[in-house]
C-alpha atoms as a PDB file:
ATOM      1  CA  TYR A   1       5.014 -35.163  -9.277  1.00  0.00           C
ATOM      2  CA  GLN A   2       5.419 -38.086  -6.918  1.00  0.00           C
ATOM      3  CA  HIS A   3       3.883 -40.812  -9.091  1.00  0.00           C
ATOM      4  CA  ARG A   4       4.353 -39.336 -12.559  1.00  0.00           C
ATOM      5  CA  TRP A   5       6.957 -40.371 -15.138  1.00  0.00           C
ATOM      6  CA  MET A   6       8.083 -37.456 -17.339  1.00  0.00           C
ATOM      7  CA  THR A   7      10.283 -37.290 -20.431  1.00  0.00           C
ATOM      8  CA  HIS A   8      13.240 -34.886 -20.537  1.00  0.00           C
ATOM      9  CA  SER A   9      11.271 -32.423 -22.698  1.00  0.00           C
ATOM     10  CA  GLU A  10       8.318 -32.538 -20.258  1.00  0.00           C
ATOM     11  CA  LEU A  11      10.696 -31.927 -17.347  1.00  0.00           C
ATOM     12  CA  THR A  12      12.262 -28.960 -19.149  1.00  0.00           C
ATOM     13  CA  GLU A  13       8.839 -27.497 -19.954  1.00  0.00           C
ATOM     14  CA  GLU A  14       7.732 -27.875 -16.328  1.00  0.00           C
ATOM     15  CA  MET A  15      11.002 -26.340 -15.078  1.00  0.00           C
ATOM     16  CA  LEU A  16      10.661 -23.275 -17.328  1.00  0.00           C
ATOM     17  CA  ALA A  17       7.055 -22.609 -16.269  1.00  0.00           C
ATOM     18  CA  PRO A  18       6.534 -19.856 -13.651  1.00  0.00           C
ATOM     19  CA  SER A  19       6.663 -21.048 -10.040  1.00  0.00           C
ATOM     20  CA  SER A  20       3.322 -21.884  -8.478  1.00  0.00           C
ATOM     21  CA  VAL A  21       4.401 -20.446  -5.087  1.00  0.00           C
ATOM     22  CA  MET A  22       6.708 -17.523  -4.264  1.00  0.00           C
ATOM     23  CA  HIS A  23       7.890 -17.883  -0.639  1.00  0.00           C
ATOM     24  CA  ASP A  24       8.039 -14.492   1.061  1.00  0.00           C
ATOM     25  CA  THR A  25      10.865 -14.452   3.629  1.00  0.00           C
ATOM     26  CA  ARG A  26       9.948 -11.072   5.110  1.00  0.00           C
ATOM     27  CA  ILE A  27       8.922 -10.782   8.750  1.00  0.00           C
ATOM     28  CA  SER A  28       5.233 -10.228   9.373  1.00  0.00           C
ATOM     29  CA  PRO A  29       4.186  -6.544   9.051  1.00  0.00           C
ATOM     30  CA  THR A  30       2.923  -6.697  12.648  1.00  0.00           C
ATOM     31  CA  VAL A  31       6.516  -7.128  13.879  1.00  0.00           C
ATOM     32  CA  ALA A  32       8.099  -3.723  14.445  1.00  0.00           C
ATOM     33  CA  THR A  33      11.397  -3.106  12.677  1.00  0.00           C
ATOM     34  CA  SER A  34      13.603  -0.022  12.604  1.00  0.00           C
ATOM     35  CA  ARG A  35      14.997  -0.799   9.135  1.00  0.00           C
ATOM     36  CA  ARG A  36      13.419   0.595   5.984  1.00  0.00           C
ATOM     37  CA  GLU A  37      12.987  -1.864   3.131  1.00  0.00           C
ATOM     38  CA  LEU A  38      14.339  -0.510  -0.183  1.00  0.00           C
ATOM     39  CA  GLY A  39      13.023  -3.287  -2.360  1.00  0.00           C
ATOM     40  CA  LEU A  40      12.360  -6.949  -2.844  1.00  0.00           C
ATOM     41  CA  LEU A  41      14.631  -9.413  -4.662  1.00  0.00           C
ATOM     42  CA  ARG A  42      12.698 -12.245  -6.305  1.00  0.00           C
ATOM     43  CA  VAL A  43      14.758 -15.352  -7.118  1.00  0.00           C
ATOM     44  CA  GLU A  44      13.877 -18.678  -8.765  1.00  0.00           C
ATOM     45  CA  VAL A  45      16.254 -21.661  -8.822  1.00  0.00           C
ATOM     46  CA  LEU A  46      15.707 -23.659 -12.007  1.00  0.00           C
ATOM     47  CA  GLN A  47      18.612 -26.043 -12.590  1.00  0.00           C
ATOM     48  CA  CYS A  48      22.218 -26.947 -11.777  1.00  0.00           C
ATOM     49  CA  ARG A  49      24.459 -28.637 -14.334  1.00  0.00           C
ATOM     50  CA  GLY A  50      27.530 -30.832 -14.025  1.00  0.00           C
ATOM     51  CA  LEU A  51      27.716 -31.204 -10.260  1.00  0.00           C
ATOM     52  CA  PRO A  52      30.523 -33.451  -9.009  1.00  0.00           C
ATOM     53  CA  GLN A  53      29.680 -36.824  -7.528  1.00  0.00           C
ATOM     54  CA  ALA A  54      29.822 -37.167  -3.765  1.00  0.00           C
ATOM     55  CA  LYS A  55      32.088 -39.600  -1.909  1.00  0.00           C
ATOM     56  CA  GLY A  56      31.652 -43.253  -2.856  1.00  0.00           C
ATOM     57  CA  LYS A  57      30.549 -42.457  -6.437  1.00  0.00           C
ATOM     58  CA  VAL A  58      26.978 -41.715  -5.405  1.00  0.00           C
ATOM     59  CA  ASN A  59      25.163 -38.886  -7.170  1.00  0.00           C
ATOM     60  CA  PRO A  60      24.567 -35.892  -4.877  1.00  0.00           C
ATOM     61  CA  ASN A  61      21.328 -35.037  -3.096  1.00  0.00           C
ATOM     62  CA  CYS A  62      21.209 -31.356  -4.063  1.00  0.00           C
ATOM     63  CA  VAL A  63      19.827 -28.450  -2.093  1.00  0.00           C
ATOM     64  CA  VAL A  64      20.345 -24.748  -2.837  1.00  0.00           C
ATOM     65  CA  TYR A  65      20.593 -22.100  -0.109  1.00  0.00           C
ATOM     66  CA  LEU A  66      20.018 -18.396  -0.813  1.00  0.00           C
ATOM     67  CA  VAL A  67      21.104 -15.805   1.768  1.00  0.00           C
ATOM     68  CA  CYS A  68      20.671 -12.036   1.616  1.00  0.00           C
ATOM     69  CA  GLY A  69      21.447 -10.141   4.819  1.00  0.00           C
ATOM     70  CA  SER A  70      19.679 -11.850   7.723  1.00  0.00           C
ATOM     71  CA  TYR A  71      17.164 -13.645   5.476  1.00  0.00           C
ATOM     72  CA  ALA A  72      17.639 -17.141   4.089  1.00  0.00           C
ATOM     73  CA  PHE A  73      15.813 -19.656   1.913  1.00  0.00           C
ATOM     74  CA  ALA A  74      16.383 -23.341   1.083  1.00  0.00           C
ATOM     75  CA  THR A  75      14.988 -25.226  -1.915  1.00  0.00           C
ATOM     76  CA  ASP A  76      13.586 -28.738  -1.884  1.00  0.00           C
ATOM     77  CA  VAL A  77      16.202 -31.504  -1.942  1.00  0.00           C
ATOM     78  CA  ILE A  78      16.589 -33.216  -5.323  1.00  0.00           C
ATOM     79  CA  PRO A  79      17.812 -36.772  -4.687  1.00  0.00           C
ATOM     80  CA  GLN A  80      20.681 -38.374  -6.619  1.00  0.00           C
ATOM     81  CA  LYS A  81      20.952 -36.151  -9.694  1.00  0.00           C
ATOM     82  CA  VAL A  82      24.098 -34.660 -11.238  1.00  0.00           C
ATOM     83  CA  ASN A  83      21.944 -32.172 -13.220  1.00  0.00           C
ATOM     84  CA  PRO A  84      18.989 -31.458 -10.884  1.00  0.00           C
ATOM     85  CA  MET A  85      15.898 -29.512 -12.015  1.00  0.00           C
ATOM     86  CA  TRP A  86      13.429 -27.808  -9.718  1.00  0.00           C
ATOM     87  CA  LEU A  87       9.928 -27.979 -11.211  1.00  0.00           C
ATOM     88  CA  ARG A  88       7.285 -25.261 -10.831  1.00  0.00           C
ATOM     89  CA  GLY A  89       5.375 -27.042  -8.047  1.00  0.00           C
ATOM     90  CA  MET A  90       8.475 -27.423  -5.873  1.00  0.00           C
ATOM     91  CA  ARG A  91       9.979 -25.113  -3.263  1.00  0.00           C
ATOM     92  CA  ARG A  92      12.262 -23.124  -5.574  1.00  0.00           C
ATOM     93  CA  ALA A  93      11.200 -19.438  -5.580  1.00  0.00           C
ATOM     94  CA  CYS A  94      11.533 -16.790  -2.888  1.00  0.00           C
ATOM     95  CA  ALA A  95      11.319 -13.067  -2.255  1.00  0.00           C
ATOM     96  CA  LEU A  96      14.133 -11.596  -0.137  1.00  0.00           C
ATOM     97  CA  PRO A  97      13.918  -8.043   1.267  1.00  0.00           C
ATOM     98  CA  VAL A  98      16.709  -5.580   0.474  1.00  0.00           C
ATOM     99  CA  PHE A  99      17.525  -2.952   3.114  1.00  0.00           C
ATOM    100  CA  HIS A 100      20.570  -1.229   1.583  1.00  0.00           C
ATOM    101  CA  GLY A 101      22.063  -0.667  -1.845  1.00  0.00           C
ATOM    102  CA  TYR A 102      25.142  -2.805  -1.205  1.00  0.00           C
ATOM    103  CA  ALA A 103      23.236  -5.938  -0.167  1.00  0.00           C
ATOM    104  CA  VAL A 104      24.738  -9.199  -1.455  1.00  0.00           C
ATOM    105  CA  LEU A 105      22.870 -12.327  -2.511  1.00  0.00           C
ATOM    106  CA  MET A 106      24.883 -15.459  -1.713  1.00  0.00           C
ATOM    107  CA  VAL A 107      23.925 -18.726  -3.402  1.00  0.00           C
ATOM    108  CA  GLY A 108      25.295 -22.146  -2.488  1.00  0.00           C
ATOM    109  CA  VAL A 109      24.637 -25.617  -3.871  1.00  0.00           C
ATOM    110  CA  PHE A 110      25.221 -28.380  -1.332  1.00  0.00           C
ATOM    111  CA  HIS A 111      24.993 -32.133  -0.935  1.00  0.00           C
ATOM    112  CA  ASP A 112      22.304 -32.981   1.604  1.00  0.00           C
ATOM    113  CA  ASP A 113      23.257 -36.120   3.508  1.00  0.00           C
ATOM    114  CA  GLY A 114      20.043 -36.139   5.545  1.00  0.00           C
ATOM    115  CA  SER A 115      21.548 -34.908   8.812  1.00  0.00           C
END
């Protein structure tokens, strides 16, 4: 999408399309583990709306972090948008393993200042 201008309706259509890549956060099957996996949680980040502006009235550089147990995933950074959209070709979808019935998925939207 680097050198392509898209209208809002084209962006929305591209955002709602299924992700082209699902990032699997599980450890390689060759690595021995004593925990038994109960299932797999598949998550896609599509859009955030109405984010506050960062200091100095600059729109935020948004990144979303997903954490479930000891597994984590970070989306691509969307620069300077108050209502960022993650399109289907971007890093936005992941599969997180679930090892117990009371596992919690934590989601955070942050300003990425480049450090």
